[in-house]
Amino acid sequence: DRVEIEFEPEYRSTAVLLVGWLSAQLGWMP
């Protein structure tokens, strides 16, 4: 029901890709 990700300020796209992986594997919709 919740995901928290901490990331280096210059690496926001890396954190978003991690969300993308979870979404793709678990069928989440944005």
PDB file of all heavy atoms in Angstrom:
ATOM      1  N   ASP A   1       0.803  -1.223   0.000  1.00  0.00           N
ATOM      2  CA  ASP A   1       0.000   0.000   0.000  1.00  0.00           C
ATOM      3  C   ASP A   1       0.835   1.273   0.000  1.00  0.00           C
ATOM      4  O   ASP A   1       0.292   2.372  -0.115  1.00  0.00           O
ATOM      5  CB  ASP A   1      -0.962   0.022   1.196  1.00  0.00           C
ATOM      6  CG  ASP A   1      -0.260  -0.207   2.524  1.00  0.00           C
ATOM      7  OD1 ASP A   1       0.905   0.207   2.664  1.00  0.00           O
ATOM      8  OD2 ASP A   1      -0.876  -0.815   3.424  1.00  0.00           O
ATOM      9  N   ARG A   2       2.165   1.113   0.134  1.00  0.00           N
ATOM     10  CA  ARG A   2       3.009   2.317   0.175  1.00  0.00           C
ATOM     11  C   ARG A   2       4.439   1.958  -0.237  1.00  0.00           C
ATOM     12  O   ARG A   2       4.942   0.877   0.106  1.00  0.00           O
ATOM     13  CB  ARG A   2       3.002   2.905   1.589  1.00  0.00           C
ATOM     14  CG  ARG A   2       3.838   4.158   1.778  1.00  0.00           C
ATOM     15  CD  ARG A   2       3.401   4.920   3.047  1.00  0.00           C
ATOM     16  NE  ARG A   2       3.328   4.077   4.214  1.00  0.00           N
ATOM     17  CZ  ARG A   2       4.235   4.081   5.205  1.00  0.00           C
ATOM     18  NH1 ARG A   2       5.274   4.882   5.149  1.00  0.00           N
ATOM     19  NH2 ARG A   2       4.084   3.291   6.254  1.00  0.00           N
ATOM     20  N   VAL A   3       5.080   2.876  -0.958  1.00  0.00           N
ATOM     21  CA  VAL A   3       6.487   2.736  -1.347  1.00  0.00           C
ATOM     22  C   VAL A   3       7.187   4.056  -1.063  1.00  0.00           C
ATOM     23  O   VAL A   3       6.664   5.128  -1.403  1.00  0.00           O
ATOM     24  CB  VAL A   3       6.637   2.378  -2.848  1.00  0.00           C
ATOM     25  CG1 VAL A   3       8.115   2.343  -3.249  1.00  0.00           C
ATOM     26  CG2 VAL A   3       5.964   1.057  -3.163  1.00  0.00           C
ATOM     27  N   GLU A   4       8.360   3.988  -0.436  1.00  0.00           N
ATOM     28  CA  GLU A   4       9.171   5.172  -0.188  1.00  0.00           C
ATOM     29  C   GLU A   4      10.552   4.963  -0.786  1.00  0.00           C
ATOM     30  O   GLU A   4      11.157   3.898  -0.593  1.00  0.00           O
ATOM     31  CB  GLU A   4       9.305   5.443   1.318  1.00  0.00           C
ATOM     32  CG  GLU A   4       8.000   5.786   2.006  1.00  0.00           C
ATOM     33  CD  GLU A   4       8.175   6.011   3.503  1.00  0.00           C
ATOM     34  OE1 GLU A   4       9.316   5.825   4.000  1.00  0.00           O
ATOM     35  OE2 GLU A   4       7.186   6.359   4.177  1.00  0.00           O
ATOM     36  N   ILE A   5      11.037   5.968  -1.512  1.00  0.00           N
ATOM     37  CA  ILE A   5      12.361   5.875  -2.145  1.00  0.00           C
ATOM     38  C   ILE A   5      13.141   7.146  -1.850  1.00  0.00           C
ATOM     39  O   ILE A   5      12.632   8.253  -2.068  1.00  0.00           O
ATOM     40  CB  ILE A   5      12.237   5.677  -3.674  1.00  0.00           C
ATOM     41  CG1 ILE A   5      11.482   4.389  -3.997  1.00  0.00           C
ATOM     42  CG2 ILE A   5      13.625   5.657  -4.329  1.00  0.00           C
ATOM     43  CD1 ILE A   5      11.223   4.180  -5.480  1.00  0.00           C
ATOM     44  N   GLU A   6      14.359   6.990  -1.348  1.00  0.00           N
ATOM     45  CA  GLU A   6      15.270   8.113  -1.145  1.00  0.00           C
ATOM     46  C   GLU A   6      16.312   8.095  -2.255  1.00  0.00           C
ATOM     47  O   GLU A   6      16.863   7.036  -2.573  1.00  0.00           O
ATOM     48  CB  GLU A   6      15.961   8.009   0.214  1.00  0.00           C
ATOM     49  CG  GLU A   6      15.014   8.154   1.396  1.00  0.00           C
ATOM     50  CD  GLU A   6      15.722   7.951   2.730  1.00  0.00           C
ATOM     51  OE1 GLU A   6      16.928   7.581   2.715  1.00  0.00           O
ATOM     52  OE2 GLU A   6      15.080   8.147   3.778  1.00  0.00           O
ATOM     53  N   PHE A   7      16.600   9.270  -2.834  1.00  0.00           N
ATOM     54  CA  PHE A   7      17.518   9.316  -3.964  1.00  0.00           C
ATOM     55  C   PHE A   7      18.364  10.583  -3.913  1.00  0.00           C
ATOM     56  O   PHE A   7      17.934  11.614  -3.384  1.00  0.00           O
ATOM     57  CB  PHE A   7      16.745   9.249  -5.288  1.00  0.00           C
ATOM     58  CG  PHE A   7      15.834  10.430  -5.531  1.00  0.00           C
ATOM     59  CD1 PHE A   7      16.259  11.502  -6.317  1.00  0.00           C
ATOM     60  CD2 PHE A   7      14.564  10.478  -4.975  1.00  0.00           C
ATOM     61  CE1 PHE A   7      15.433  12.587  -6.540  1.00  0.00           C
ATOM     62  CE2 PHE A   7      13.735  11.560  -5.194  1.00  0.00           C
ATOM     63  CZ  PHE A   7      14.163  12.615  -5.983  1.00  0.00           C
ATOM     64  N   GLU A   8      19.553  10.485  -4.463  1.00  0.00           N
ATOM     65  CA  GLU A   8      20.420  11.644  -4.647  1.00  0.00           C
ATOM     66  C   GLU A   8      19.712  12.633  -5.578  1.00  0.00           C
ATOM     67  O   GLU A   8      19.144  12.229  -6.596  1.00  0.00           O
ATOM     68  CB  GLU A   8      21.748  11.191  -5.261  1.00  0.00           C
ATOM     69  CG  GLU A   8      22.682  12.288  -5.697  1.00  0.00           C
ATOM     70  CD  GLU A   8      23.317  13.037  -4.536  1.00  0.00           C
ATOM     71  OE1 GLU A   8      23.505  12.410  -3.462  1.00  0.00           O
ATOM     72  OE2 GLU A   8      23.604  14.236  -4.705  1.00  0.00           O
ATOM     73  N   PRO A   9      19.709  13.943  -5.246  1.00  0.00           N
ATOM     74  CA  PRO A   9      18.927  14.910  -6.027  1.00  0.00           C
ATOM     75  C   PRO A   9      19.126  14.837  -7.539  1.00  0.00           C
ATOM     76  O   PRO A   9      18.181  15.056  -8.294  1.00  0.00           O
ATOM     77  CB  PRO A   9      19.390  16.259  -5.461  1.00  0.00           C
ATOM     78  CG  PRO A   9      19.733  15.945  -4.044  1.00  0.00           C
ATOM     79  CD  PRO A   9      20.321  14.553  -4.056  1.00  0.00           C
ATOM     80  N   GLU A  10      20.327  14.526  -7.998  1.00  0.00           N
ATOM     81  CA  GLU A  10      20.572  14.494  -9.437  1.00  0.00           C
ATOM     82  C   GLU A  10      20.085  13.196 -10.094  1.00  0.00           C
ATOM     83  O   GLU A  10      20.166  13.057 -11.315  1.00  0.00           O
ATOM     84  CB  GLU A  10      22.068  14.662  -9.721  1.00  0.00           C
ATOM     85  CG  GLU A  10      22.626  16.023  -9.313  1.00  0.00           C
ATOM     86  CD  GLU A  10      24.093  16.165  -9.665  1.00  0.00           C
ATOM     87  OE1 GLU A  10      24.659  15.188 -10.222  1.00  0.00           O
ATOM     88  OE2 GLU A  10      24.666  17.228  -9.401  1.00  0.00           O
ATOM     89  N   TYR A  11      19.576  12.265  -9.285  1.00  0.00           N
ATOM     90  CA  TYR A  11      19.231  10.951  -9.818  1.00  0.00           C
ATOM     91  C   TYR A  11      17.733  10.651  -9.675  1.00  0.00           C
ATOM     92  O   TYR A  11      17.336   9.512  -9.430  1.00  0.00           O
ATOM     93  CB  TYR A  11      20.051   9.866  -9.119  1.00  0.00           C
ATOM     94  CG  TYR A  11      21.492   9.849  -9.560  1.00  0.00           C
ATOM     95  CD1 TYR A  11      22.441  10.652  -8.928  1.00  0.00           C
ATOM     96  CD2 TYR A  11      21.907   9.060 -10.627  1.00  0.00           C
ATOM     97  CE1 TYR A  11      23.765  10.656  -9.337  1.00  0.00           C
ATOM     98  CE2 TYR A  11      23.229   9.053 -11.044  1.00  0.00           C
ATOM     99  CZ  TYR A  11      24.151   9.857 -10.392  1.00  0.00           C
ATOM    100  OH  TYR A  11      25.458   9.854 -10.800  1.00  0.00           O
ATOM    101  N   ARG A  12      16.915  11.667  -9.877  1.00  0.00           N
ATOM    102  CA  ARG A  12      15.476  11.445  -9.791  1.00  0.00           C
ATOM    103  C   ARG A  12      15.011  10.415 -10.821  1.00  0.00           C
ATOM    104  O   ARG A  12      14.165   9.562 -10.529  1.00  0.00           O
ATOM    105  CB  ARG A  12      14.717  12.759  -9.999  1.00  0.00           C
ATOM    106  CG  ARG A  12      13.204  12.608  -9.876  1.00  0.00           C
ATOM    107  CD  ARG A  12      12.486  13.936 -10.077  1.00  0.00           C
ATOM    108  NE  ARG A  12      11.046  13.797  -9.906  1.00  0.00           N
ATOM    109  CZ  ARG A  12      10.227  13.381 -10.857  1.00  0.00           C
ATOM    110  NH1 ARG A  12      10.717  13.061 -12.060  1.00  0.00           N
ATOM    111  NH2 ARG A  12       8.928  13.274 -10.623  1.00  0.00           N
ATOM    112  N   SER A  13      15.559  10.489 -12.046  1.00  0.00           N
ATOM    113  CA  SER A  13      15.129   9.547 -13.085  1.00  0.00           C
ATOM    114  C   SER A  13      15.434   8.107 -12.697  1.00  0.00           C
ATOM    115  O   SER A  13      14.701   7.185 -13.067  1.00  0.00           O
ATOM    116  CB  SER A  13      15.787   9.888 -14.427  1.00  0.00           C
ATOM    117  OG  SER A  13      17.194   9.768 -14.349  1.00  0.00           O
ATOM    118  N   THR A  14      16.520   7.886 -11.937  1.00  0.00           N
ATOM    119  CA  THR A  14      16.856   6.537 -11.484  1.00  0.00           C
ATOM    120  C   THR A  14      15.782   6.026 -10.535  1.00  0.00           C
ATOM    121  O   THR A  14      15.331   4.880 -10.638  1.00  0.00           O
ATOM    122  CB  THR A  14      18.224   6.533 -10.782  1.00  0.00           C
ATOM    123  OG1 THR A  14      19.172   7.276 -11.550  1.00  0.00           O
ATOM    124  CG2 THR A  14      18.741   5.111 -10.596  1.00  0.00           C
ATOM    125  N   ALA A  15      15.363   6.901  -9.604  1.00  0.00           N
ATOM    126  CA  ALA A  15      14.308   6.519  -8.667  1.00  0.00           C
ATOM    127  C   ALA A  15      12.997   6.248  -9.398  1.00  0.00           C
ATOM    128  O   ALA A  15      12.266   5.301  -9.074  1.00  0.00           O
ATOM    129  CB  ALA A  15      14.124   7.623  -7.619  1.00  0.00           C
ATOM    130  N   VAL A  16      12.681   7.062 -10.402  1.00  0.00           N
ATOM    131  CA  VAL A  16      11.441   6.866 -11.159  1.00  0.00           C
ATOM    132  C   VAL A  16      11.473   5.540 -11.915  1.00  0.00           C
ATOM    133  O   VAL A  16      10.465   4.832 -12.017  1.00  0.00           O
ATOM    134  CB  VAL A  16      11.199   8.052 -12.115  1.00  0.00           C
ATOM    135  CG1 VAL A  16       9.994   7.783 -13.009  1.00  0.00           C
ATOM    136  CG2 VAL A  16      10.988   9.338 -11.329  1.00  0.00           C
ATOM    137  N   LEU A  17      12.647   5.171 -12.442  1.00  0.00           N
ATOM    138  CA  LEU A  17      12.760   3.870 -13.114  1.00  0.00           C
ATOM    139  C   LEU A  17      12.518   2.724 -12.151  1.00  0.00           C
ATOM    140  O   LEU A  17      11.968   1.681 -12.541  1.00  0.00           O
ATOM    141  CB  LEU A  17      14.142   3.727 -13.767  1.00  0.00           C
ATOM    142  CG  LEU A  17      14.359   4.448 -15.090  1.00  0.00           C
ATOM    143  CD1 LEU A  17      15.807   4.292 -15.553  1.00  0.00           C
ATOM    144  CD2 LEU A  17      13.407   3.931 -16.164  1.00  0.00           C
ATOM    145  N   LEU A  18      12.913   2.893 -10.879  1.00  0.00           N
ATOM    146  CA  LEU A  18      12.634   1.862  -9.884  1.00  0.00           C
ATOM    147  C   LEU A  18      11.129   1.729  -9.663  1.00  0.00           C
ATOM    148  O   LEU A  18      10.600   0.611  -9.548  1.00  0.00           O
ATOM    149  CB  LEU A  18      13.348   2.193  -8.572  1.00  0.00           C
ATOM    150  CG  LEU A  18      13.254   1.148  -7.458  1.00  0.00           C
ATOM    151  CD1 LEU A  18      13.743  -0.214  -7.937  1.00  0.00           C
ATOM    152  CD2 LEU A  18      14.056   1.602  -6.229  1.00  0.00           C
ATOM    153  N   VAL A  19      10.422   2.861  -9.626  1.00  0.00           N
ATOM    154  CA  VAL A  19       8.962   2.822  -9.558  1.00  0.00           C
ATOM    155  C   VAL A  19       8.402   2.143 -10.802  1.00  0.00           C
ATOM    156  O   VAL A  19       7.451   1.360 -10.735  1.00  0.00           O
ATOM    157  CB  VAL A  19       8.377   4.243  -9.408  1.00  0.00           C
ATOM    158  CG1 VAL A  19       6.853   4.199  -9.392  1.00  0.00           C
ATOM    159  CG2 VAL A  19       8.901   4.926  -8.151  1.00  0.00           C
ATOM    160  N   GLY A  20       9.009   2.432 -11.954  1.00  0.00           N
ATOM    161  CA  GLY A  20       8.569   1.806 -13.198  1.00  0.00           C
ATOM    162  C   GLY A  20       8.709   0.302 -13.163  1.00  0.00           C
ATOM    163  O   GLY A  20       7.843  -0.430 -13.679  1.00  0.00           O
ATOM    164  N   TRP A  21       9.796  -0.182 -12.576  1.00  0.00           N
ATOM    165  CA  TRP A  21       9.997  -1.630 -12.453  1.00  0.00           C
ATOM    166  C   TRP A  21       8.902  -2.257 -11.592  1.00  0.00           C
ATOM    167  O   TRP A  21       8.306  -3.273 -11.967  1.00  0.00           O
ATOM    168  CB  TRP A  21      11.370  -1.907 -11.856  1.00  0.00           C
ATOM    169  CG  TRP A  21      11.612  -3.353 -11.537  1.00  0.00           C
ATOM    170  CD1 TRP A  21      11.753  -4.375 -12.418  1.00  0.00           C
ATOM    171  CD2 TRP A  21      11.727  -3.915 -10.218  1.00  0.00           C
ATOM    172  NE1 TRP A  21      11.960  -5.561 -11.740  1.00  0.00           N
ATOM    173  CE2 TRP A  21      11.957  -5.299 -10.394  1.00  0.00           C
ATOM    174  CE3 TRP A  21      11.681  -3.391  -8.938  1.00  0.00           C
ATOM    175  CZ2 TRP A  21      12.112  -6.168  -9.305  1.00  0.00           C
ATOM    176  CZ3 TRP A  21      11.850  -4.247  -7.853  1.00  0.00           C
ATOM    177  CH2 TRP A  21      12.054  -5.619  -8.039  1.00  0.00           C
ATOM    178  N   LEU A  22       8.629  -1.644 -10.426  1.00  0.00           N
ATOM    179  CA  LEU A  22       7.562  -2.155  -9.567  1.00  0.00           C
ATOM    180  C   LEU A  22       6.221  -2.142 -10.304  1.00  0.00           C
ATOM    181  O   LEU A  22       5.447  -3.104 -10.238  1.00  0.00           O
ATOM    182  CB  LEU A  22       7.476  -1.318  -8.294  1.00  0.00           C
ATOM    183  CG  LEU A  22       8.634  -1.466  -7.298  1.00  0.00           C
ATOM    184  CD1 LEU A  22       8.575  -0.365  -6.241  1.00  0.00           C
ATOM    185  CD2 LEU A  22       8.600  -2.837  -6.636  1.00  0.00           C
ATOM    186  N   SER A  23       5.960  -1.042 -11.017  1.00  0.00           N
ATOM    187  CA  SER A  23       4.683  -0.913 -11.728  1.00  0.00           C
ATOM    188  C   SER A  23       4.552  -1.958 -12.828  1.00  0.00           C
ATOM    189  O   SER A  23       3.499  -2.581 -13.002  1.00  0.00           O
ATOM    190  CB  SER A  23       4.563   0.494 -12.314  1.00  0.00           C
ATOM    191  OG  SER A  23       4.584   1.479 -11.304  1.00  0.00           O
ATOM    192  N   ALA A  24       5.626  -2.143 -13.604  1.00  0.00           N
ATOM    193  CA  ALA A  24       5.585  -3.101 -14.713  1.00  0.00           C
ATOM    194  C   ALA A  24       5.404  -4.524 -14.211  1.00  0.00           C
ATOM    195  O   ALA A  24       4.666  -5.318 -14.811  1.00  0.00           O
ATOM    196  CB  ALA A  24       6.859  -2.985 -15.549  1.00  0.00           C
ATOM    197  N   GLN A  25       6.074  -4.863 -13.115  1.00  0.00           N
ATOM    198  CA  GLN A  25       6.018  -6.228 -12.600  1.00  0.00           C
ATOM    199  C   GLN A  25       4.720  -6.526 -11.854  1.00  0.00           C
ATOM    200  O   GLN A  25       4.259  -7.667 -11.836  1.00  0.00           O
ATOM    201  CB  GLN A  25       7.207  -6.493 -11.676  1.00  0.00           C
ATOM    202  CG  GLN A  25       8.565  -6.418 -12.376  1.00  0.00           C
ATOM    203  CD  GLN A  25       8.691  -7.409 -13.515  1.00  0.00           C
ATOM    204  OE1 GLN A  25       8.309  -7.128 -14.643  1.00  0.00           O
ATOM    205  NE2 GLN A  25       9.206  -8.594 -13.221  1.00  0.00           N
ATOM    206  N   LEU A  26       4.131  -5.497 -11.223  1.00  0.00           N
ATOM    207  CA  LEU A  26       2.949  -5.718 -10.390  1.00  0.00           C
ATOM    208  C   LEU A  26       1.663  -5.224 -11.035  1.00  0.00           C
ATOM    209  O   LEU A  26       0.587  -5.335 -10.442  1.00  0.00           O
ATOM    210  CB  LEU A  26       3.146  -5.029  -9.034  1.00  0.00           C
ATOM    211  CG  LEU A  26       4.348  -5.533  -8.228  1.00  0.00           C
ATOM    212  CD1 LEU A  26       4.498  -4.731  -6.937  1.00  0.00           C
ATOM    213  CD2 LEU A  26       4.206  -7.017  -7.914  1.00  0.00           C
ATOM    214  N   GLY A  27       1.761  -4.658 -12.240  1.00  0.00           N
ATOM    215  CA  GLY A  27       0.563  -4.231 -12.948  1.00  0.00           C
ATOM    216  C   GLY A  27      -0.058  -2.958 -12.416  1.00  0.00           C
ATOM    217  O   GLY A  27      -1.263  -2.739 -12.575  1.00  0.00           O
ATOM    218  N   TRP A  28       0.757  -2.087 -11.792  1.00  0.00           N
ATOM    219  CA  TRP A  28       0.236  -0.831 -11.277  1.00  0.00           C
ATOM    220  C   TRP A  28      -0.022   0.134 -12.426  1.00  0.00           C
ATOM    221  O   TRP A  28       0.710   0.176 -13.413  1.00  0.00           O
ATOM    222  CB  TRP A  28       1.209  -0.194 -10.297  1.00  0.00           C
ATOM    223  CG  TRP A  28       1.405  -0.958  -9.031  1.00  0.00           C
ATOM    224  CD1 TRP A  28       0.680  -2.026  -8.583  1.00  0.00           C
ATOM    225  CD2 TRP A  28       2.418  -0.726  -8.052  1.00  0.00           C
ATOM    226  NE1 TRP A  28       1.169  -2.463  -7.385  1.00  0.00           N
ATOM    227  CE2 TRP A  28       2.243  -1.691  -7.031  1.00  0.00           C
ATOM    228  CE3 TRP A  28       3.456   0.182  -7.932  1.00  0.00           C
ATOM    229  CZ2 TRP A  28       3.057  -1.744  -5.909  1.00  0.00           C
ATOM    230  CZ3 TRP A  28       4.270   0.135  -6.815  1.00  0.00           C
ATOM    231  CH2 TRP A  28       4.068  -0.823  -5.812  1.00  0.00           C
ATOM    232  N   MET A  29      -1.035   0.958 -12.249  1.00  0.00           N
ATOM    233  CA  MET A  29      -1.367   1.989 -13.224  1.00  0.00           C
ATOM    234  C   MET A  29      -1.025   3.357 -12.643  1.00  0.00           C
ATOM    235  O   MET A  29      -1.277   3.612 -11.458  1.00  0.00           O
ATOM    236  CB  MET A  29      -2.852   1.943 -13.586  1.00  0.00           C
ATOM    237  CG  MET A  29      -3.286   0.632 -14.223  1.00  0.00           C
ATOM    238  SD  MET A  29      -2.420   0.300 -15.779  1.00  0.00           S
ATOM    239  CE  MET A  29      -3.090   1.620 -16.795  1.00  0.00           C
ATOM    240  N   PRO A  30      -0.441   4.274 -13.453  1.00  0.00           N
ATOM    241  CA  PRO A  30       0.006   5.567 -12.923  1.00  0.00           C
ATOM    242  C   PRO A  30      -1.147   6.497 -12.606  1.00  0.00           C
ATOM    243  O   PRO A  30      -2.205   6.450 -13.232  1.00  0.00           O
ATOM    244  CB  PRO A  30       0.873   6.130 -14.049  1.00  0.00           C
ATOM    245  CG  PRO A  30       0.324   5.502 -15.290  1.00  0.00           C
ATOM    246  CD  PRO A  30      -0.122   4.129 -14.882  1.00  0.00           C
TER     247      PRO A  30
END
